[in-house]
Amino acid sequence: MSRMTDPRRRLVLASASPARLALLRQAGLAPEVVVSGVDEDAITAPTPGELALVLAEAKAASVAARPEAADALVIGCDSVLELDGQALGKPADAEDATSRWKSMRGRSGILQTGHCVIDTATGRRASATASTTVRFGEPTDAEISAYVATGEPLYVAGAFTLDGRSAPFIDGIDGDPGNVIGLSLPLLRRLLADLGTPITALWA
């Protein structure tokens, strides 16, 4: 049976993100999870979009090199919020998250998510960055304090998420909502196709 139609190809997600795992499962995929352990703070790049891509590639490569990823398709992703030309990842602490929200409200930012897929059976890889504009609402100081107190913004890029408690504070987006949550399924489909695997062959 050819690799193109072989339903037994393993899919490995190189991320601890429950949101990314949920997106893949909702799309009919059943990935295994292997966390990369890449030191994100040690990686730099000229632009936020490039940073997201380099981080995604580093995570995918780290997991692809492990024995448990043999003969698998490894997906690495990383997201940053681009605001004023700066890349904002996860906030350092509650004070940082509060400051972020006060600077973001009433403005727009670009959520950049790097995607990298490596076929460990062939060594081939495909990667790209998806961009989605996010239009932030104007939550009050009290609403920001209450949100930060939940702890949610400390674990997500840009200190917000489209599928959590901050959803009421986001007025709208221009682009793929999945990309804001953590993974663009349309982009993933194209990257898999570049490697000769239709996403339908990976449905569980």
N, C-alpha and C. Protein backbone atom coordinates (compact mmCIF):
# COMPACT_ATOMS: atom_id res chain seq x y z
N MET A 1 0.86 -1.20 0.00
CA MET A 1 0.00 0.00 0.00
C MET A 1 0.89 1.24 0.00
N SER A 2 0.55 2.24 -0.78
CA SER A 2 1.39 3.42 -0.88
C SER A 2 1.26 4.29 0.36
N ARG A 3 2.32 5.07 0.60
CA ARG A 3 2.29 5.98 1.74
C ARG A 3 1.19 7.03 1.59
N MET A 4 0.85 7.34 0.34
CA MET A 4 -0.16 8.37 0.08
C MET A 4 -1.50 8.01 0.69
N THR A 5 -1.85 6.74 0.70
CA THR A 5 -3.18 6.34 1.17
C THR A 5 -3.12 5.47 2.42
N ASP A 6 -1.93 5.28 2.98
CA ASP A 6 -1.79 4.41 4.14
C ASP A 6 -2.39 5.07 5.37
N PRO A 7 -3.49 4.52 5.92
CA PRO A 7 -4.13 5.14 7.07
C PRO A 7 -3.37 4.92 8.37
N ARG A 8 -2.30 4.14 8.30
CA ARG A 8 -1.59 3.80 9.53
C ARG A 8 -0.47 4.78 9.87
N ARG A 9 -0.30 5.83 9.07
CA ARG A 9 0.73 6.83 9.40
C ARG A 9 0.43 7.44 10.75
N ARG A 10 1.44 7.49 11.58
CA ARG A 10 1.28 8.09 12.91
C ARG A 10 1.45 9.60 12.81
N LEU A 11 0.68 10.30 13.62
CA LEU A 11 0.76 11.75 13.70
C LEU A 11 1.21 12.11 15.11
N VAL A 12 2.26 12.91 15.20
CA VAL A 12 2.79 13.32 16.51
C VAL A 12 2.73 14.83 16.63
N LEU A 13 2.14 15.32 17.70
CA LEU A 13 2.07 16.75 17.97
C LEU A 13 3.17 17.12 18.95
N ALA A 14 4.09 17.97 18.50
CA ALA A 14 5.22 18.37 19.34
C ALA A 14 4.85 19.59 20.18
N SER A 15 3.81 19.45 20.97
CA SER A 15 3.31 20.58 21.75
C SER A 15 2.50 20.08 22.94
N ALA A 16 2.60 20.81 24.04
CA ALA A 16 1.82 20.47 25.23
C ALA A 16 0.48 21.20 25.24
N SER A 17 0.19 21.97 24.18
CA SER A 17 -1.02 22.79 24.13
C SER A 17 -2.29 21.96 24.04
N PRO A 18 -3.16 22.03 25.04
CA PRO A 18 -4.43 21.32 24.95
C PRO A 18 -5.32 21.88 23.85
N ALA A 19 -5.18 23.16 23.55
CA ALA A 19 -5.99 23.78 22.49
C ALA A 19 -5.62 23.21 21.12
N ARG A 20 -4.33 23.05 20.87
CA ARG A 20 -3.91 22.48 19.58
C ARG A 20 -4.38 21.03 19.46
N LEU A 21 -4.25 20.29 20.55
CA LEU A 21 -4.68 18.90 20.53
C LEU A 21 -6.18 18.81 20.26
N ALA A 22 -6.95 19.70 20.89
CA ALA A 22 -8.40 19.71 20.70
C ALA A 22 -8.77 20.04 19.26
N LEU A 23 -8.07 21.00 18.65
CA LEU A 23 -8.34 21.37 17.26
C LEU A 23 -8.12 20.18 16.33
N LEU A 24 -7.02 19.45 16.54
CA LEU A 24 -6.72 18.30 15.69
C LEU A 24 -7.75 17.20 15.88
N ARG A 25 -8.14 16.96 17.11
CA ARG A 25 -9.13 15.91 17.38
C ARG A 25 -10.49 16.27 16.78
N GLN A 26 -10.86 17.54 16.86
CA GLN A 26 -12.14 17.97 16.30
C GLN A 26 -12.14 17.82 14.78
N ALA A 27 -10.95 17.84 14.17
CA ALA A 27 -10.83 17.69 12.72
C ALA A 27 -10.69 16.22 12.32
N GLY A 28 -10.90 15.31 13.28
CA GLY A 28 -10.88 13.89 12.96
C GLY A 28 -9.52 13.23 13.03
N LEU A 29 -8.53 13.93 13.60
CA LEU A 29 -7.18 13.38 13.72
C LEU A 29 -6.94 12.88 15.14
N ALA A 30 -6.00 11.95 15.30
CA ALA A 30 -5.72 11.38 16.61
C ALA A 30 -4.21 11.38 16.87
N PRO A 31 -3.64 12.56 17.08
CA PRO A 31 -2.20 12.63 17.27
C PRO A 31 -1.74 12.14 18.64
N GLU A 32 -0.52 11.61 18.65
CA GLU A 32 0.16 11.36 19.92
C GLU A 32 0.81 12.69 20.31
N VAL A 33 1.05 12.88 21.59
CA VAL A 33 1.68 14.12 22.05
C VAL A 33 3.06 13.82 22.61
N VAL A 34 4.06 14.50 22.07
CA VAL A 34 5.43 14.41 22.58
C VAL A 34 5.93 15.84 22.73
N VAL A 35 6.14 16.30 23.95
CA VAL A 35 6.54 17.68 24.20
C VAL A 35 8.02 17.86 23.87
N SER A 36 8.33 18.93 23.17
CA SER A 36 9.69 19.13 22.67
C SER A 36 10.70 19.52 23.74
N GLY A 37 10.29 20.37 24.66
CA GLY A 37 11.23 20.84 25.67
C GLY A 37 12.20 21.88 25.17
N VAL A 38 11.94 22.46 23.99
CA VAL A 38 12.82 23.49 23.42
C VAL A 38 12.80 24.74 24.31
N ASP A 39 13.98 25.32 24.54
CA ASP A 39 14.08 26.56 25.32
C ASP A 39 13.71 27.73 24.40
N GLU A 40 12.48 28.19 24.51
CA GLU A 40 11.99 29.23 23.60
C GLU A 40 12.74 30.55 23.79
N ASP A 41 13.17 30.83 25.02
CA ASP A 41 13.84 32.10 25.30
C ASP A 41 15.22 32.19 24.66
N ALA A 42 15.77 31.04 24.26
CA ALA A 42 17.11 31.03 23.67
C ALA A 42 17.08 31.25 22.16
N ILE A 43 15.88 31.35 21.58
CA ILE A 43 15.75 31.47 20.13
C ILE A 43 15.31 32.89 19.75
N THR A 44 15.97 33.45 18.76
CA THR A 44 15.63 34.80 18.29
C THR A 44 15.47 34.79 16.77
N ALA A 45 14.82 35.84 16.26
CA ALA A 45 14.63 35.99 14.81
C ALA A 45 14.34 37.47 14.54
N PRO A 46 14.56 37.92 13.29
CA PRO A 46 14.40 39.34 12.97
C PRO A 46 12.98 39.88 13.12
N THR A 47 11.96 39.06 12.83
CA THR A 47 10.58 39.53 12.88
C THR A 47 9.72 38.55 13.68
N PRO A 48 8.56 38.98 14.18
CA PRO A 48 7.67 38.08 14.91
C PRO A 48 7.25 36.87 14.09
N GLY A 49 6.94 37.09 12.80
CA GLY A 49 6.54 35.97 11.95
C GLY A 49 7.65 34.95 11.79
N GLU A 50 8.87 35.44 11.60
CA GLU A 50 10.02 34.54 11.47
C GLU A 50 10.29 33.82 12.79
N LEU A 51 10.11 34.52 13.90
CA LEU A 51 10.33 33.90 15.21
C LEU A 51 9.37 32.74 15.43
N ALA A 52 8.10 32.96 15.10
CA ALA A 52 7.10 31.89 15.26
C ALA A 52 7.48 30.67 14.42
N LEU A 53 7.98 30.92 13.22
CA LEU A 53 8.35 29.82 12.33
C LEU A 53 9.59 29.09 12.82
N VAL A 54 10.60 29.83 13.25
CA VAL A 54 11.84 29.20 13.74
C VAL A 54 11.54 28.36 14.98
N LEU A 55 10.69 28.86 15.85
CA LEU A 55 10.32 28.11 17.05
C LEU A 55 9.57 26.83 16.69
N ALA A 56 8.65 26.94 15.74
CA ALA A 56 7.89 25.76 15.31
C ALA A 56 8.82 24.72 14.71
N GLU A 57 9.77 25.17 13.89
CA GLU A 57 10.71 24.25 13.26
C GLU A 57 11.61 23.60 14.31
N ALA A 58 12.02 24.36 15.32
CA ALA A 58 12.88 23.81 16.37
C ALA A 58 12.14 22.74 17.17
N LYS A 59 10.88 23.00 17.47
CA LYS A 59 10.09 22.03 18.23
C LYS A 59 9.87 20.76 17.43
N ALA A 60 9.52 20.91 16.16
CA ALA A 60 9.29 19.73 15.33
C ALA A 60 10.57 18.92 15.17
N ALA A 61 11.69 19.60 14.94
CA ALA A 61 12.97 18.91 14.75
C ALA A 61 13.41 18.18 16.01
N SER A 62 13.18 18.81 17.16
CA SER A 62 13.56 18.18 18.43
C SER A 62 12.84 16.86 18.64
N VAL A 63 11.53 16.86 18.36
CA VAL A 63 10.74 15.64 18.55
C VAL A 63 11.01 14.64 17.43
N ALA A 64 11.19 15.12 16.21
CA ALA A 64 11.43 14.23 15.07
C ALA A 64 12.70 13.40 15.25
N ALA A 65 13.65 13.92 16.02
CA ALA A 65 14.92 13.22 16.22
C ALA A 65 14.82 12.09 17.25
N ARG A 66 13.69 11.98 17.91
CA ARG A 66 13.55 10.97 18.96
C ARG A 66 13.05 9.63 18.40
N PRO A 67 13.45 8.54 19.05
CA PRO A 67 13.02 7.21 18.59
C PRO A 67 11.51 7.04 18.54
N GLU A 68 10.79 7.67 19.48
CA GLU A 68 9.34 7.50 19.53
C GLU A 68 8.62 8.18 18.37
N ALA A 69 9.36 8.98 17.59
CA ALA A 69 8.75 9.65 16.43
C ALA A 69 9.11 8.96 15.12
N ALA A 70 9.67 7.77 15.19
CA ALA A 70 10.07 7.06 13.97
C ALA A 70 8.85 6.78 13.08
N ASP A 71 9.03 6.97 11.77
CA ASP A 71 7.98 6.72 10.78
C ASP A 71 6.68 7.46 11.11
N ALA A 72 6.82 8.70 11.55
CA ALA A 72 5.65 9.50 11.91
C ALA A 72 5.71 10.86 11.21
N LEU A 73 4.58 11.52 11.18
CA LEU A 73 4.49 12.90 10.73
C LEU A 73 4.45 13.76 11.98
N VAL A 74 5.45 14.60 12.16
CA VAL A 74 5.57 15.41 13.37
C VAL A 74 5.15 16.84 13.08
N ILE A 75 4.25 17.36 13.91
CA ILE A 75 3.75 18.73 13.75
C ILE A 75 4.30 19.60 14.87
N GLY A 76 5.01 20.66 14.50
CA GLY A 76 5.47 21.64 15.48
C GLY A 76 4.80 22.97 15.22
N CYS A 77 4.35 23.64 16.28
CA CYS A 77 3.70 24.95 16.14
C CYS A 77 4.18 25.89 17.23
N ASP A 78 4.17 27.17 16.92
CA ASP A 78 4.41 28.17 17.96
C ASP A 78 3.74 29.47 17.56
N SER A 79 3.16 30.13 18.55
CA SER A 79 2.41 31.37 18.29
C SER A 79 3.00 32.55 19.06
N VAL A 80 3.00 33.71 18.41
CA VAL A 80 3.35 34.96 19.07
C VAL A 80 2.38 36.03 18.58
N LEU A 81 2.14 37.01 19.42
CA LEU A 81 1.31 38.15 19.02
C LEU A 81 2.23 39.28 18.59
N GLU A 82 2.01 39.77 17.38
CA GLU A 82 2.79 40.90 16.89
C GLU A 82 2.04 42.19 17.19
N LEU A 83 2.64 43.04 18.01
CA LEU A 83 2.04 44.33 18.37
C LEU A 83 3.15 45.37 18.34
N ASP A 84 2.96 46.41 17.56
CA ASP A 84 3.98 47.44 17.39
C ASP A 84 5.31 46.86 16.93
N GLY A 85 5.24 45.80 16.10
CA GLY A 85 6.45 45.20 15.56
C GLY A 85 7.19 44.29 16.52
N GLN A 86 6.65 44.14 17.73
CA GLN A 86 7.28 43.29 18.74
C GLN A 86 6.56 41.95 18.84
N ALA A 87 7.32 40.91 19.17
CA ALA A 87 6.74 39.58 19.35
C ALA A 87 6.43 39.35 20.82
N LEU A 88 5.16 39.11 21.11
CA LEU A 88 4.74 38.87 22.49
C LEU A 88 4.32 37.42 22.64
N GLY A 89 5.07 36.69 23.46
CA GLY A 89 4.72 35.31 23.74
C GLY A 89 3.88 35.24 25.00
N LYS A 90 4.13 34.25 25.83
CA LYS A 90 3.40 34.14 27.10
C LYS A 90 3.93 35.21 28.05
N PRO A 91 3.04 35.86 28.81
CA PRO A 91 3.51 36.88 29.75
C PRO A 91 4.34 36.26 30.87
N ALA A 92 5.25 37.05 31.43
CA ALA A 92 6.15 36.55 32.47
C ALA A 92 5.42 36.28 33.78
N ASP A 93 4.43 37.13 34.07
CA ASP A 93 3.69 37.00 35.33
C ASP A 93 2.38 37.77 35.22
N ALA A 94 1.63 37.82 36.33
CA ALA A 94 0.34 38.50 36.33
C ALA A 94 0.47 39.99 36.03
N GLU A 95 1.51 40.61 36.55
CA GLU A 95 1.72 42.04 36.31
C GLU A 95 1.97 42.29 34.83
N ASP A 96 2.74 41.42 34.20
CA ASP A 96 3.01 41.54 32.77
C ASP A 96 1.74 41.35 31.96
N ALA A 97 0.91 40.37 32.36
CA ALA A 97 -0.35 40.11 31.65
C ALA A 97 -1.29 41.31 31.74
N THR A 98 -1.33 41.93 32.91
CA THR A 98 -2.18 43.11 33.12
C THR A 98 -1.72 44.26 32.23
N SER A 99 -0.41 44.47 32.21
CA SER A 99 0.15 45.54 31.39
C SER A 99 -0.12 45.29 29.90
N ARG A 100 -0.01 44.04 29.49
CA ARG A 100 -0.26 43.68 28.09
C ARG A 100 -1.68 44.06 27.69
N TRP A 101 -2.63 43.65 28.52
CA TRP A 101 -4.02 43.90 28.19
C TRP A 101 -4.34 45.39 28.15
N LYS A 102 -3.74 46.15 29.04
CA LYS A 102 -4.00 47.59 29.02
C LYS A 102 -3.43 48.24 27.77
N SER A 103 -2.35 47.66 27.23
CA SER A 103 -1.77 48.21 26.01
C SER A 103 -2.48 47.72 24.76
N MET A 104 -3.12 46.53 24.84
CA MET A 104 -3.78 45.94 23.66
C MET A 104 -5.19 46.46 23.46
N ARG A 105 -5.88 46.82 24.52
CA ARG A 105 -7.31 47.12 24.38
C ARG A 105 -7.57 48.28 23.43
N GLY A 106 -8.60 48.07 22.61
CA GLY A 106 -8.96 49.08 21.63
C GLY A 106 -8.08 49.09 20.40
N ARG A 107 -7.16 48.13 20.31
CA ARG A 107 -6.21 48.10 19.19
C ARG A 107 -6.28 46.76 18.46
N SER A 108 -5.48 46.63 17.43
CA SER A 108 -5.39 45.37 16.69
C SER A 108 -3.96 44.86 16.71
N GLY A 109 -3.83 43.55 16.76
CA GLY A 109 -2.52 42.91 16.69
C GLY A 109 -2.60 41.77 15.68
N ILE A 110 -1.46 41.19 15.35
CA ILE A 110 -1.42 40.08 14.41
C ILE A 110 -0.93 38.83 15.12
N LEU A 111 -1.76 37.80 15.16
CA LEU A 111 -1.36 36.55 15.78
C LEU A 111 -0.62 35.73 14.71
N GLN A 112 0.66 35.50 14.95
CA GLN A 112 1.50 34.76 14.02
C GLN A 112 1.72 33.35 14.57
N THR A 113 1.38 32.33 13.80
CA THR A 113 1.62 30.96 14.22
C THR A 113 2.47 30.23 13.19
N GLY A 114 3.65 29.82 13.61
CA GLY A 114 4.52 29.05 12.75
C GLY A 114 4.10 27.59 12.78
N HIS A 115 4.15 26.94 11.63
CA HIS A 115 3.81 25.53 11.49
C HIS A 115 4.94 24.81 10.78
N CYS A 116 5.32 23.65 11.29
CA CYS A 116 6.32 22.84 10.63
C CYS A 116 5.91 21.37 10.72
N VAL A 117 5.91 20.70 9.58
CA VAL A 117 5.59 19.26 9.56
C VAL A 117 6.82 18.52 9.02
N ILE A 118 7.28 17.52 9.76
CA ILE A 118 8.42 16.72 9.34
C ILE A 118 7.98 15.26 9.19
N ASP A 119 8.27 14.69 8.04
CA ASP A 119 8.01 13.26 7.81
C ASP A 119 9.29 12.53 8.19
N THR A 120 9.30 11.87 9.33
CA THR A 120 10.53 11.23 9.79
C THR A 120 10.88 10.00 8.97
N ALA A 121 9.95 9.51 8.16
CA ALA A 121 10.24 8.35 7.31
C ALA A 121 11.10 8.76 6.11
N THR A 122 10.96 10.00 5.66
CA THR A 122 11.68 10.46 4.48
C THR A 122 12.67 11.59 4.79
N GLY A 123 12.48 12.25 5.94
CA GLY A 123 13.32 13.39 6.28
C GLY A 123 12.86 14.68 5.67
N ARG A 124 11.79 14.63 4.89
CA ARG A 124 11.27 15.84 4.24
C ARG A 124 10.49 16.68 5.25
N ARG A 125 10.48 17.97 5.00
CA ARG A 125 9.72 18.87 5.87
C ARG A 125 9.05 19.96 5.06
N ALA A 126 8.00 20.53 5.62
CA ALA A 126 7.29 21.65 5.01
C ALA A 126 6.91 22.61 6.14
N SER A 127 7.09 23.89 5.93
CA SER A 127 6.79 24.84 7.00
C SER A 127 6.31 26.17 6.44
N ALA A 128 5.52 26.88 7.23
CA ALA A 128 5.00 28.19 6.84
C ALA A 128 4.39 28.85 8.08
N THR A 129 4.14 30.15 7.97
CA THR A 129 3.52 30.89 9.06
C THR A 129 2.15 31.40 8.62
N ALA A 130 1.17 31.25 9.50
CA ALA A 130 -0.17 31.79 9.25
C ALA A 130 -0.37 33.04 10.10
N SER A 131 -1.03 34.04 9.53
CA SER A 131 -1.24 35.31 10.23
C SER A 131 -2.72 35.66 10.31
N THR A 132 -3.16 36.06 11.48
CA THR A 132 -4.56 36.45 11.68
C THR A 132 -4.61 37.75 12.47
N THR A 133 -5.32 38.73 11.95
CA THR A 133 -5.47 40.01 12.67
C THR A 133 -6.52 39.87 13.76
N VAL A 134 -6.19 40.34 14.95
CA VAL A 134 -7.10 40.26 16.10
C VAL A 134 -7.46 41.68 16.53
N ARG A 135 -8.76 41.96 16.59
CA ARG A 135 -9.23 43.27 17.03
C ARG A 135 -9.70 43.18 18.48
N PHE A 136 -8.94 43.81 19.37
CA PHE A 136 -9.25 43.73 20.79
C PHE A 136 -10.32 44.74 21.19
N GLY A 137 -11.19 44.35 22.10
CA GLY A 137 -12.20 45.24 22.64
C GLY A 137 -11.58 46.14 23.70
N GLU A 138 -12.43 46.73 24.51
CA GLU A 138 -11.93 47.65 25.53
C GLU A 138 -12.42 47.24 26.92
N PRO A 139 -11.89 46.13 27.45
CA PRO A 139 -12.27 45.72 28.80
C PRO A 139 -11.83 46.77 29.83
N THR A 140 -12.60 46.91 30.87
CA THR A 140 -12.26 47.86 31.94
C THR A 140 -11.09 47.32 32.75
N ASP A 141 -10.51 48.18 33.57
CA ASP A 141 -9.42 47.75 34.45
C ASP A 141 -9.90 46.61 35.35
N ALA A 142 -11.14 46.70 35.82
CA ALA A 142 -11.68 45.67 36.71
C ALA A 142 -11.83 44.34 35.96
N GLU A 143 -12.26 44.41 34.71
CA GLU A 143 -12.40 43.19 33.92
C GLU A 143 -11.03 42.55 33.63
N ILE A 144 -10.05 43.40 33.35
CA ILE A 144 -8.70 42.89 33.12
C ILE A 144 -8.16 42.22 34.38
N SER A 145 -8.36 42.85 35.51
CA SER A 145 -7.88 42.28 36.78
C SER A 145 -8.54 40.94 37.06
N ALA A 146 -9.84 40.86 36.79
CA ALA A 146 -10.57 39.61 37.03
C ALA A 146 -10.08 38.52 36.09
N TYR A 147 -9.80 38.91 34.85
CA TYR A 147 -9.32 37.92 33.88
C TYR A 147 -7.93 37.41 34.26
N VAL A 148 -7.05 38.31 34.59
CA VAL A 148 -5.69 37.91 34.96
C VAL A 148 -5.71 37.02 36.20
N ALA A 149 -6.64 37.30 37.11
CA ALA A 149 -6.74 36.51 38.34
C ALA A 149 -7.12 35.06 38.08
N THR A 150 -7.72 34.78 36.90
CA THR A 150 -8.06 33.38 36.59
C THR A 150 -6.82 32.56 36.25
N GLY A 151 -5.73 33.24 35.92
CA GLY A 151 -4.50 32.55 35.56
C GLY A 151 -4.41 32.17 34.10
N GLU A 152 -5.52 32.22 33.38
CA GLU A 152 -5.53 31.79 31.98
C GLU A 152 -4.51 32.51 31.09
N PRO A 153 -4.39 33.84 31.18
CA PRO A 153 -3.49 34.52 30.25
C PRO A 153 -2.01 34.21 30.45
N LEU A 154 -1.66 33.60 31.56
CA LEU A 154 -0.25 33.30 31.82
C LEU A 154 0.26 32.12 30.98
N TYR A 155 -0.67 31.38 30.37
CA TYR A 155 -0.28 30.16 29.66
C TYR A 155 -0.49 30.23 28.15
N VAL A 156 -0.82 31.43 27.65
CA VAL A 156 -1.09 31.55 26.22
C VAL A 156 -0.35 32.74 25.61
N ALA A 157 0.05 32.58 24.35
CA ALA A 157 0.75 33.65 23.64
C ALA A 157 -0.11 34.90 23.55
N GLY A 158 0.49 36.04 23.86
CA GLY A 158 -0.24 37.30 23.78
C GLY A 158 -1.14 37.56 24.97
N ALA A 159 -1.20 36.64 25.92
CA ALA A 159 -2.01 36.78 27.14
C ALA A 159 -3.50 36.73 26.88
N PHE A 160 -3.90 36.07 25.78
CA PHE A 160 -5.32 35.94 25.49
C PHE A 160 -5.55 34.67 24.69
N THR A 161 -6.81 34.24 24.64
CA THR A 161 -7.18 33.11 23.79
C THR A 161 -8.59 33.33 23.28
N LEU A 162 -8.84 32.85 22.09
CA LEU A 162 -10.14 33.05 21.45
C LEU A 162 -11.18 32.06 21.96
N ASP A 163 -10.73 30.99 22.61
CA ASP A 163 -11.66 29.95 23.05
C ASP A 163 -11.74 29.83 24.57
N GLY A 164 -11.47 30.95 25.26
CA GLY A 164 -11.51 30.92 26.72
C GLY A 164 -12.20 32.14 27.31
N ARG A 165 -11.80 32.51 28.52
CA ARG A 165 -12.45 33.60 29.23
C ARG A 165 -12.24 34.97 28.59
N SER A 166 -11.22 35.10 27.76
CA SER A 166 -10.97 36.40 27.13
C SER A 166 -11.79 36.61 25.87
N ALA A 167 -12.53 35.60 25.43
CA ALA A 167 -13.31 35.73 24.19
C ALA A 167 -14.23 36.95 24.18
N PRO A 168 -14.89 37.31 25.31
CA PRO A 168 -15.76 38.49 25.29
C PRO A 168 -15.00 39.80 25.11
N PHE A 169 -13.69 39.77 25.27
CA PHE A 169 -12.89 40.99 25.14
C PHE A 169 -12.26 41.13 23.75
N ILE A 170 -12.64 40.24 22.84
CA ILE A 170 -12.11 40.30 21.47
C ILE A 170 -13.26 40.63 20.53
N ASP A 171 -13.19 41.79 19.89
CA ASP A 171 -14.29 42.26 19.05
C ASP A 171 -14.41 41.50 17.73
N GLY A 172 -13.28 40.98 17.23
CA GLY A 172 -13.34 40.25 15.97
C GLY A 172 -11.96 39.89 15.48
N ILE A 173 -11.94 39.08 14.44
CA ILE A 173 -10.66 38.70 13.82
C ILE A 173 -10.81 38.75 12.30
N ASP A 174 -9.69 38.87 11.63
CA ASP A 174 -9.65 38.79 10.17
C ASP A 174 -8.69 37.66 9.81
N GLY A 175 -9.26 36.51 9.45
CA GLY A 175 -8.42 35.36 9.15
C GLY A 175 -8.95 34.09 9.79
N ASP A 176 -8.10 33.10 9.90
CA ASP A 176 -8.46 31.79 10.42
C ASP A 176 -8.54 31.80 11.94
N PRO A 177 -9.71 31.51 12.53
CA PRO A 177 -9.83 31.49 13.99
C PRO A 177 -8.97 30.41 14.63
N GLY A 178 -8.83 29.26 13.95
CA GLY A 178 -8.01 28.19 14.51
C GLY A 178 -6.57 28.64 14.70
N ASN A 179 -6.10 29.50 13.81
CA ASN A 179 -4.74 30.01 13.92
C ASN A 179 -4.54 30.77 15.22
N VAL A 180 -5.58 31.51 15.63
CA VAL A 180 -5.50 32.27 16.88
C VAL A 180 -5.51 31.32 18.08
N ILE A 181 -6.26 30.25 17.96
CA ILE A 181 -6.33 29.26 19.05
C ILE A 181 -5.02 28.49 19.15
N GLY A 182 -4.31 28.35 18.02
CA GLY A 182 -3.01 27.70 18.11
C GLY A 182 -2.55 26.91 16.91
N LEU A 183 -3.46 26.64 15.95
CA LEU A 183 -3.07 25.84 14.79
C LEU A 183 -4.05 26.09 13.65
N SER A 184 -3.51 26.40 12.47
CA SER A 184 -4.35 26.62 11.30
C SER A 184 -4.55 25.30 10.56
N LEU A 185 -5.74 24.77 10.60
CA LEU A 185 -6.01 23.50 9.92
C LEU A 185 -5.89 23.61 8.40
N PRO A 186 -6.34 24.72 7.78
CA PRO A 186 -6.15 24.84 6.33
C PRO A 186 -4.67 24.85 5.94
N LEU A 187 -3.83 25.53 6.73
CA LEU A 187 -2.40 25.54 6.44
C LEU A 187 -1.81 24.15 6.66
N LEU A 188 -2.22 23.48 7.73
CA LEU A 188 -1.74 22.13 7.99
C LEU A 188 -2.07 21.20 6.82
N ARG A 189 -3.28 21.32 6.29
CA ARG A 189 -3.67 20.50 5.14
C ARG A 189 -2.72 20.72 3.97
N ARG A 190 -2.38 21.98 3.70
CA ARG A 190 -1.49 22.29 2.58
C ARG A 190 -0.08 21.75 2.82
N LEU A 191 0.41 21.86 4.05
CA LEU A 191 1.76 21.37 4.36
C LEU A 191 1.82 19.85 4.24
N LEU A 192 0.79 19.16 4.71
CA LEU A 192 0.74 17.71 4.58
C LEU A 192 0.70 17.30 3.11
N ALA A 193 -0.08 18.05 2.31
CA ALA A 193 -0.17 17.75 0.89
C ALA A 193 1.19 17.93 0.21
N ASP A 194 1.95 18.93 0.66
CA ASP A 194 3.29 19.15 0.11
C ASP A 194 4.20 17.94 0.36
N LEU A 195 3.90 17.21 1.44
CA LEU A 195 4.70 16.03 1.78
C LEU A 195 4.08 14.75 1.23
N GLY A 196 3.02 14.90 0.42
CA GLY A 196 2.42 13.73 -0.23
C GLY A 196 1.39 12.99 0.60
N THR A 197 0.90 13.62 1.67
CA THR A 197 -0.10 12.96 2.52
C THR A 197 -1.37 13.80 2.60
N PRO A 198 -2.47 13.36 2.00
CA PRO A 198 -3.73 14.11 2.15
C PRO A 198 -4.22 13.99 3.58
N ILE A 199 -4.76 15.06 4.10
CA ILE A 199 -5.20 15.05 5.50
C ILE A 199 -6.30 14.00 5.73
N THR A 200 -7.05 13.68 4.69
CA THR A 200 -8.12 12.69 4.83
C THR A 200 -7.55 11.30 5.12
N ALA A 201 -6.30 11.04 4.72
CA ALA A 201 -5.69 9.74 4.98
C ALA A 201 -5.30 9.59 6.45
N LEU A 202 -5.37 10.71 7.20
CA LEU A 202 -4.99 10.67 8.60
C LEU A 202 -6.20 10.67 9.53
N TRP A 203 -7.39 10.73 8.95
CA TRP A 203 -8.58 10.70 9.80
C TRP A 203 -8.62 9.43 10.62
N ALA A 204 -8.95 9.58 11.89
CA ALA A 204 -8.99 8.42 12.78
C ALA A 204 -10.22 7.57 12.48
